[in-house]
Amino acid sequence: MKILMLHGINLNMFGKRDPAQYGTVTLDEINARVSALGHELGAEVEAFQTNHEGAMCERIHQAYADGVDAVLINAGAWTHYSYGIRDALAILPCPIIEVHMSNIHAREAFRHVSVFAEIIRGQICGFGADSYLLALRAAVSAVHAGQK
């Protein structure tokens, strides 16, 4: 099982950026935890991070060509306004799980809206780095159940 984990804008700054909101865990630490859990669950997890919207869309297009089984995405602020990333994700025939470390529904009003909501399998937020682990479990479960 191949799962692609996408990290969007500013997420390379985990561990430095707003530790009160995101904690001190780094993106490399998150990637290692998710990869280890993926191994336990029989999934190969590839991580990709970019601060460039076009690069994110191109990586999603590559995921389609590669036939990935599921996608985890924390697009950061792009979640709330990037119709380009939304449209790229809509091409994928696999389950897509949106993930956020903070509870976006308990934050600023603009963060309450996800432009991806209509095309994703589900959203997990508010559990810090564990949000990623929960999202991976949800993705593996969806793949096994044959769900989009």
Protein backbone atom coordinates (compact mmCIF):
# COMPACT_ATOMS: atom_id res chain seq x y z
CA MET A 1 0.00 0.00 0.00
CA LYS A 2 1.40 3.40 -1.04
CA ILE A 3 0.31 6.47 0.90
CA LEU A 4 1.42 10.00 0.10
CA MET A 5 1.60 12.50 2.96
CA LEU A 6 1.53 16.10 1.76
CA HIS A 7 2.63 19.03 3.92
CA GLY A 8 1.86 22.53 2.73
CA ILE A 9 2.93 26.06 3.29
CA ASN A 10 4.93 26.94 6.42
CA LEU A 11 4.75 23.42 7.83
CA ASN A 12 8.50 23.02 7.44
CA MET A 13 8.63 25.41 10.40
CA PHE A 14 6.97 23.00 12.86
CA GLY A 15 9.01 23.01 16.04
CA LYS A 16 9.76 26.74 15.62
CA ARG A 17 6.43 28.22 14.56
CA ASP A 18 3.95 29.07 17.31
CA PRO A 19 4.84 26.28 19.78
CA ALA A 20 1.79 27.13 21.91
CA GLN A 21 -0.41 26.08 18.99
CA TYR A 22 1.69 23.38 17.33
CA GLY A 23 4.07 22.14 20.02
CA THR A 24 7.78 21.59 19.54
CA VAL A 25 7.70 18.50 17.33
CA THR A 26 9.46 19.00 14.00
CA LEU A 27 8.25 17.97 10.57
CA ASP A 28 11.05 15.40 10.36
CA GLU A 29 9.86 13.88 13.65
CA ILE A 30 6.27 13.73 12.37
CA ASN A 31 7.43 12.09 9.15
CA ALA A 32 9.43 9.49 11.10
CA ARG A 33 6.47 8.67 13.38
CA VAL A 34 4.08 8.31 10.46
CA SER A 35 6.55 6.22 8.49
CA ALA A 36 7.06 3.88 11.48
CA LEU A 37 3.31 3.45 11.96
CA GLY A 38 2.90 2.92 8.24
CA HIS A 39 5.43 0.08 8.41
CA GLU A 40 3.40 -1.51 11.25
CA LEU A 41 0.21 -1.18 9.19
CA GLY A 42 1.76 -2.50 5.98
CA ALA A 43 1.88 0.85 4.21
CA GLU A 44 4.78 2.69 2.61
CA VAL A 45 4.43 6.39 3.40
CA GLU A 46 6.16 9.01 1.29
CA ALA A 47 6.30 12.57 2.65
CA PHE A 48 6.44 15.74 0.56
CA GLN A 49 6.54 19.36 1.76
CA THR A 50 6.51 22.55 -0.25
CA ASN A 51 5.84 26.24 0.20
CA HIS A 52 4.93 26.57 -3.49
CA GLU A 53 1.34 25.98 -4.55
CA GLY A 54 2.23 24.90 -8.08
CA ALA A 55 4.72 22.34 -6.77
CA MET A 56 1.98 20.93 -4.54
CA CYS A 57 -0.37 20.59 -7.52
CA GLU A 58 2.35 18.92 -9.58
CA ARG A 59 3.05 16.42 -6.78
CA ILE A 60 -0.67 15.61 -6.60
CA HIS A 61 -0.68 15.05 -10.38
CA GLN A 62 2.28 12.70 -9.93
CA ALA A 63 0.35 10.84 -7.21
CA TYR A 64 -2.38 10.21 -9.77
CA ALA A 65 0.16 8.90 -12.28
CA ASP A 66 1.78 6.75 -9.58
CA GLY A 67 -1.57 5.28 -8.52
CA VAL A 68 -1.16 5.98 -4.82
CA ASP A 69 -3.65 4.20 -2.58
CA ALA A 70 -4.40 7.18 -0.30
CA VAL A 71 -3.32 10.74 0.45
CA LEU A 72 -2.93 12.54 3.75
CA ILE A 73 -2.81 16.31 3.38
CA ASN A 74 -2.11 19.14 5.76
CA ALA A 75 -2.12 22.04 3.34
CA GLY A 76 -1.75 24.64 6.08
CA ALA A 77 -3.38 27.94 5.13
CA TRP A 78 -4.01 26.66 1.58
CA THR A 79 -6.79 24.55 3.11
CA HIS A 80 -8.92 27.65 3.40
CA TYR A 81 -8.53 29.19 -0.05
CA SER A 82 -6.63 27.13 -2.63
CA TYR A 83 -9.09 26.03 -5.27
CA GLY A 84 -6.11 25.01 -7.41
CA ILE A 85 -5.02 22.40 -4.86
CA ARG A 86 -8.65 21.39 -4.33
CA ASP A 87 -9.10 20.78 -8.05
CA ALA A 88 -5.86 18.80 -8.23
CA LEU A 89 -6.99 16.63 -5.29
CA ALA A 90 -10.37 16.06 -6.96
CA ILE A 91 -8.59 14.19 -9.77
CA LEU A 92 -7.47 11.46 -7.37
CA PRO A 93 -9.60 8.29 -7.22
CA CYS A 94 -8.26 7.35 -3.77
CA PRO A 95 -9.22 8.31 -0.20
CA ILE A 96 -7.94 11.73 0.88
CA ILE A 97 -7.69 12.55 4.58
CA GLU A 98 -7.27 16.18 5.62
CA VAL A 99 -5.17 16.60 8.75
CA HIS A 100 -4.33 19.52 11.05
CA MET A 101 -2.39 19.57 14.29
CA SER A 102 -4.51 22.32 15.83
CA ASN A 103 -8.29 22.36 16.17
CA ILE A 104 -9.00 24.66 13.24
CA HIS A 105 -12.64 24.98 14.36
CA ALA A 106 -11.58 26.59 17.63
CA ARG A 107 -9.37 29.17 15.97
CA GLU A 108 -9.89 32.23 13.76
CA ALA A 109 -13.11 32.16 11.71
CA PHE A 110 -11.30 31.92 8.36
CA ARG A 111 -9.77 28.61 9.50
CA HIS A 112 -13.19 27.04 10.01
CA VAL A 113 -13.70 26.59 6.26
CA SER A 114 -11.96 23.92 4.20
CA VAL A 115 -12.29 24.28 0.44
CA PHE A 116 -11.34 20.57 0.30
CA ALA A 117 -14.30 19.41 2.45
CA GLU A 118 -16.53 18.26 -0.41
CA ILE A 119 -13.90 15.99 -1.97
CA ILE A 120 -12.15 14.41 1.01
CA ARG A 121 -12.99 11.25 2.94
CA GLY A 122 -12.66 13.07 6.25
CA GLN A 123 -10.81 15.55 8.40
CA ILE A 124 -8.83 14.97 11.60
CA CYS A 125 -7.69 17.96 13.64
CA GLY A 126 -6.78 19.07 17.12
CA PHE A 127 -4.62 16.19 18.34
CA GLY A 128 -1.19 17.66 17.67
CA ALA A 129 1.23 15.31 15.96
CA ASP A 130 -1.13 12.44 16.78
CA SER A 131 -3.54 13.89 14.20
CA TYR A 132 -1.20 12.51 11.54
CA LEU A 133 -1.18 9.04 13.10
CA LEU A 134 -4.97 9.03 13.36
CA ALA A 135 -5.20 10.17 9.74
CA LEU A 136 -2.91 7.36 8.62
CA ARG A 137 -5.05 4.80 10.44
CA ALA A 138 -8.17 6.26 8.80
CA ALA A 139 -6.54 6.14 5.35
CA VAL A 140 -5.43 2.52 5.73
CA SER A 141 -8.89 1.56 6.95
CA ALA A 142 -10.53 3.33 3.99
CA VAL A 143 -8.22 1.58 1.51
CA HIS A 144 -8.99 -1.82 3.06
CA ALA A 145 -12.72 -1.05 2.89
CA GLY A 146 -12.44 0.06 -0.75
CA GLN A 147 -13.71 3.57 0.06
CA LYS A 148 -12.83 6.81 -1.69
